[in-house]
Amino acid sequence: MRDTEYEYWMDDRNMKDPSNEIEQVSFQMVQTAMAPYEGLIRTFGRDEKEPISGIQASEAPGLTPGHTAYFKYREKNDRGIVSDCGA
């Protein structure tokens, strides 16, 4: 997971409007979902374009800082989307 996106979701201070119940619930859901994987999540920086061999990371700005889409190569110059991985 991109380091900036992970850091965004794990810090409640990133809520734009802490009084907004929907935003509170979103942060709580992500933090709850990630909790069992504490210490197991490998984050990567912006310069790392292939965090896992054969999986290309591509910035997908607009949702959260560091939001990333992932593509898997099948053959040279061929790729299919694997995941728009947002927390």
N, C-alpha and C. Protein backbone atom coordinates (compact mmCIF):
# COMPACT_ATOMS: atom_id res chain seq x y z
N MET A 1 0.85 -1.16 0.00
CA MET A 1 0.00 0.00 0.00
C MET A 1 0.91 1.23 0.00
N ARG A 2 0.50 2.25 -0.79
CA ARG A 2 1.30 3.48 -0.82
C ARG A 2 1.41 4.06 0.58
N ASP A 3 2.60 4.48 0.94
CA ASP A 3 2.87 5.01 2.27
C ASP A 3 1.98 6.21 2.61
N THR A 4 1.79 7.11 1.66
CA THR A 4 0.98 8.31 1.95
C THR A 4 -0.48 7.97 2.20
N GLU A 5 -1.01 6.97 1.49
CA GLU A 5 -2.41 6.60 1.73
C GLU A 5 -2.57 5.91 3.09
N TYR A 6 -1.64 5.02 3.41
CA TYR A 6 -1.70 4.35 4.71
C TYR A 6 -1.63 5.37 5.84
N GLU A 7 -0.68 6.29 5.75
CA GLU A 7 -0.53 7.32 6.78
C GLU A 7 -1.79 8.20 6.88
N TYR A 8 -2.39 8.49 5.75
CA TYR A 8 -3.61 9.31 5.73
C TYR A 8 -4.71 8.65 6.56
N TRP A 9 -4.99 7.39 6.28
CA TRP A 9 -6.10 6.70 6.94
C TRP A 9 -5.83 6.38 8.41
N MET A 10 -4.58 6.20 8.76
CA MET A 10 -4.26 5.82 10.14
C MET A 10 -4.23 7.00 11.11
N ASP A 11 -4.35 8.22 10.62
CA ASP A 11 -4.26 9.41 11.46
C ASP A 11 -5.56 10.21 11.42
N ASP A 12 -6.31 10.18 12.51
CA ASP A 12 -7.60 10.88 12.58
C ASP A 12 -7.48 12.38 12.32
N ARG A 13 -6.30 12.93 12.49
CA ARG A 13 -6.12 14.37 12.24
C ARG A 13 -6.29 14.72 10.77
N ASN A 14 -6.33 13.71 9.91
CA ASN A 14 -6.51 13.96 8.48
C ASN A 14 -7.98 14.15 8.09
N MET A 15 -8.90 13.96 9.02
CA MET A 15 -10.30 14.21 8.72
C MET A 15 -10.49 15.70 8.44
N LYS A 16 -11.12 16.00 7.30
CA LYS A 16 -11.35 17.40 6.95
C LYS A 16 -12.36 18.03 7.90
N ASP A 17 -13.37 17.25 8.28
CA ASP A 17 -14.42 17.76 9.18
C ASP A 17 -14.72 16.68 10.21
N PRO A 18 -14.02 16.71 11.35
CA PRO A 18 -14.21 15.67 12.38
C PRO A 18 -15.64 15.57 12.89
N SER A 19 -16.45 16.61 12.69
CA SER A 19 -17.84 16.55 13.14
C SER A 19 -18.74 15.83 12.12
N ASN A 20 -18.20 15.52 10.94
CA ASN A 20 -18.96 14.84 9.90
C ASN A 20 -19.01 13.35 10.22
N GLU A 21 -20.20 12.85 10.51
CA GLU A 21 -20.36 11.46 10.93
C GLU A 21 -19.92 10.47 9.85
N ILE A 22 -20.19 10.78 8.59
CA ILE A 22 -19.80 9.87 7.50
C ILE A 22 -18.28 9.76 7.43
N GLU A 23 -17.60 10.89 7.57
CA GLU A 23 -16.14 10.86 7.54
C GLU A 23 -15.58 10.10 8.73
N GLN A 24 -16.17 10.28 9.90
CA GLN A 24 -15.74 9.55 11.10
C GLN A 24 -15.88 8.04 10.88
N VAL A 25 -17.03 7.64 10.37
CA VAL A 25 -17.29 6.22 10.14
C VAL A 25 -16.31 5.65 9.10
N SER A 26 -16.02 6.42 8.05
CA SER A 26 -15.08 5.96 7.03
C SER A 26 -13.71 5.69 7.64
N PHE A 27 -13.21 6.63 8.44
CA PHE A 27 -11.91 6.43 9.07
C PHE A 27 -11.94 5.24 10.03
N GLN A 28 -13.01 5.11 10.79
CA GLN A 28 -13.12 3.99 11.74
C GLN A 28 -13.15 2.65 11.01
N MET A 29 -13.90 2.58 9.90
CA MET A 29 -13.98 1.33 9.13
C MET A 29 -12.62 0.92 8.59
N VAL A 30 -11.89 1.88 8.03
CA VAL A 30 -10.58 1.56 7.47
C VAL A 30 -9.63 1.12 8.58
N GLN A 31 -9.60 1.85 9.67
CA GLN A 31 -8.71 1.52 10.77
C GLN A 31 -9.05 0.16 11.37
N THR A 32 -10.31 -0.16 11.48
CA THR A 32 -10.74 -1.47 11.99
C THR A 32 -10.34 -2.59 11.03
N ALA A 33 -10.50 -2.35 9.73
CA ALA A 33 -10.15 -3.36 8.73
C ALA A 33 -8.64 -3.60 8.68
N MET A 34 -7.86 -2.57 8.92
CA MET A 34 -6.41 -2.69 8.85
C MET A 34 -5.79 -3.24 10.14
N ALA A 35 -6.47 -3.11 11.25
CA ALA A 35 -5.91 -3.47 12.56
C ALA A 35 -5.33 -4.89 12.62
N PRO A 36 -6.00 -5.92 12.08
CA PRO A 36 -5.44 -7.27 12.17
C PRO A 36 -4.12 -7.43 11.40
N TYR A 37 -3.82 -6.50 10.51
CA TYR A 37 -2.63 -6.60 9.68
C TYR A 37 -1.50 -5.69 10.16
N GLU A 38 -1.68 -5.09 11.32
CA GLU A 38 -0.65 -4.22 11.91
C GLU A 38 0.69 -4.94 11.91
N GLY A 39 1.69 -4.30 11.37
CA GLY A 39 3.02 -4.89 11.31
C GLY A 39 3.25 -5.80 10.12
N LEU A 40 2.20 -6.13 9.39
CA LEU A 40 2.32 -7.01 8.22
C LEU A 40 2.20 -6.25 6.91
N ILE A 41 1.69 -5.04 6.97
CA ILE A 41 1.46 -4.25 5.77
C ILE A 41 2.79 -3.66 5.30
N ARG A 42 3.08 -3.90 4.04
CA ARG A 42 4.29 -3.32 3.45
C ARG A 42 3.88 -2.09 2.68
N THR A 43 4.40 -0.95 3.09
CA THR A 43 4.11 0.28 2.35
C THR A 43 5.28 0.57 1.41
N PHE A 44 4.99 1.37 0.39
CA PHE A 44 6.02 1.74 -0.57
C PHE A 44 5.85 3.20 -0.97
N GLY A 45 6.94 3.79 -1.40
CA GLY A 45 6.95 5.21 -1.77
C GLY A 45 6.58 5.45 -3.21
N ARG A 46 6.45 6.73 -3.52
CA ARG A 46 6.03 7.18 -4.85
C ARG A 46 6.98 6.71 -5.96
N ASP A 47 8.25 6.58 -5.67
CA ASP A 47 9.23 6.21 -6.69
C ASP A 47 9.24 4.72 -7.00
N GLU A 48 8.60 3.93 -6.19
CA GLU A 48 8.57 2.48 -6.41
C GLU A 48 7.38 2.14 -7.31
N LYS A 49 7.64 1.90 -8.57
CA LYS A 49 6.58 1.69 -9.56
C LYS A 49 6.11 0.25 -9.65
N GLU A 50 6.91 -0.69 -9.14
CA GLU A 50 6.54 -2.10 -9.18
C GLU A 50 6.81 -2.70 -7.80
N PRO A 51 5.88 -2.46 -6.84
CA PRO A 51 6.11 -2.91 -5.46
C PRO A 51 6.17 -4.42 -5.31
N ILE A 52 5.56 -5.13 -6.22
CA ILE A 52 5.61 -6.59 -6.26
C ILE A 52 5.93 -6.96 -7.71
N SER A 53 6.80 -7.89 -7.92
CA SER A 53 7.19 -8.28 -9.27
C SER A 53 5.96 -8.57 -10.13
N GLY A 54 5.86 -7.87 -11.26
CA GLY A 54 4.74 -8.08 -12.18
C GLY A 54 3.52 -7.24 -11.88
N ILE A 55 3.52 -6.52 -10.78
CA ILE A 55 2.39 -5.64 -10.41
C ILE A 55 2.87 -4.21 -10.49
N GLN A 56 2.25 -3.42 -11.35
CA GLN A 56 2.61 -2.02 -11.51
C GLN A 56 1.68 -1.15 -10.68
N ALA A 57 2.26 -0.23 -9.94
CA ALA A 57 1.49 0.74 -9.16
C ALA A 57 1.40 2.03 -9.95
N SER A 58 0.21 2.60 -10.00
CA SER A 58 0.00 3.84 -10.73
C SER A 58 -0.82 4.80 -9.87
N GLU A 59 -0.35 6.03 -9.77
CA GLU A 59 -1.08 7.01 -8.97
C GLU A 59 -2.49 7.20 -9.52
N ALA A 60 -3.45 7.30 -8.61
CA ALA A 60 -4.85 7.54 -8.98
C ALA A 60 -5.39 8.64 -8.07
N PRO A 61 -4.90 9.87 -8.28
CA PRO A 61 -5.25 10.96 -7.37
C PRO A 61 -6.73 11.31 -7.42
N GLY A 62 -7.15 11.93 -6.33
CA GLY A 62 -8.52 12.41 -6.29
C GLY A 62 -9.31 11.91 -5.11
N LEU A 63 -9.09 10.70 -4.69
CA LEU A 63 -9.85 10.17 -3.57
C LEU A 63 -9.15 10.47 -2.25
N THR A 64 -7.93 10.02 -2.12
CA THR A 64 -7.13 10.27 -0.93
C THR A 64 -5.69 10.49 -1.36
N PRO A 65 -4.89 11.15 -0.53
CA PRO A 65 -3.48 11.28 -0.87
C PRO A 65 -2.85 9.89 -1.01
N GLY A 66 -2.14 9.68 -2.10
CA GLY A 66 -1.48 8.39 -2.30
C GLY A 66 -2.36 7.31 -2.87
N HIS A 67 -3.60 7.64 -3.22
CA HIS A 67 -4.50 6.61 -3.77
C HIS A 67 -3.84 5.99 -4.99
N THR A 68 -3.91 4.69 -5.10
CA THR A 68 -3.16 3.96 -6.11
C THR A 68 -4.02 2.90 -6.79
N ALA A 69 -3.81 2.75 -8.09
CA ALA A 69 -4.41 1.65 -8.85
C ALA A 69 -3.28 0.67 -9.16
N TYR A 70 -3.61 -0.61 -9.26
CA TYR A 70 -2.61 -1.64 -9.49
C TYR A 70 -2.94 -2.40 -10.76
N PHE A 71 -1.91 -2.68 -11.55
CA PHE A 71 -2.07 -3.40 -12.80
C PHE A 71 -1.17 -4.62 -12.80
N LYS A 72 -1.66 -5.71 -13.38
CA LYS A 72 -0.85 -6.93 -13.50
C LYS A 72 -0.58 -7.18 -14.98
N TYR A 73 0.69 -7.41 -15.28
CA TYR A 73 1.09 -7.73 -16.64
C TYR A 73 0.78 -9.19 -16.94
N ARG A 74 0.23 -9.43 -18.11
CA ARG A 74 0.08 -10.81 -18.58
C ARG A 74 1.18 -11.13 -19.58
N GLU A 75 1.37 -10.23 -20.52
CA GLU A 75 2.44 -10.35 -21.50
C GLU A 75 3.03 -8.97 -21.70
N LYS A 76 4.18 -8.91 -22.35
CA LYS A 76 4.82 -7.63 -22.61
C LYS A 76 3.84 -6.69 -23.33
N ASN A 77 3.74 -5.46 -22.85
CA ASN A 77 2.86 -4.43 -23.41
C ASN A 77 1.38 -4.76 -23.25
N ASP A 78 1.06 -5.68 -22.40
CA ASP A 78 -0.33 -6.05 -22.14
C ASP A 78 -0.56 -5.98 -20.65
N ARG A 79 -1.63 -5.36 -20.24
CA ARG A 79 -1.92 -5.31 -18.81
C ARG A 79 -3.42 -5.24 -18.59
N GLY A 80 -3.83 -5.76 -17.47
CA GLY A 80 -5.22 -5.69 -17.07
C GLY A 80 -5.28 -5.17 -15.65
N ILE A 81 -6.29 -4.41 -15.35
CA ILE A 81 -6.37 -3.84 -14.00
C ILE A 81 -6.66 -4.95 -12.99
N VAL A 82 -5.95 -4.89 -11.90
CA VAL A 82 -6.15 -5.85 -10.83
C VAL A 82 -7.02 -5.22 -9.76
N SER A 83 -6.68 -4.00 -9.37
CA SER A 83 -7.37 -3.42 -8.23
C SER A 83 -7.20 -1.92 -8.18
N ASP A 84 -8.26 -1.25 -7.81
CA ASP A 84 -8.21 0.15 -7.44
C ASP A 84 -8.23 0.12 -5.92
N CYS A 85 -7.07 -0.01 -5.35
CA CYS A 85 -6.96 -0.33 -3.93
C CYS A 85 -7.02 0.91 -3.07
N GLY A 86 -8.17 1.20 -2.61
CA GLY A 86 -8.33 2.26 -1.62
C GLY A 86 -8.83 1.61 -0.34
N ALA A 87 -8.42 2.15 0.72
CA ALA A 87 -8.85 1.59 1.98
C ALA A 87 -10.31 1.88 2.20
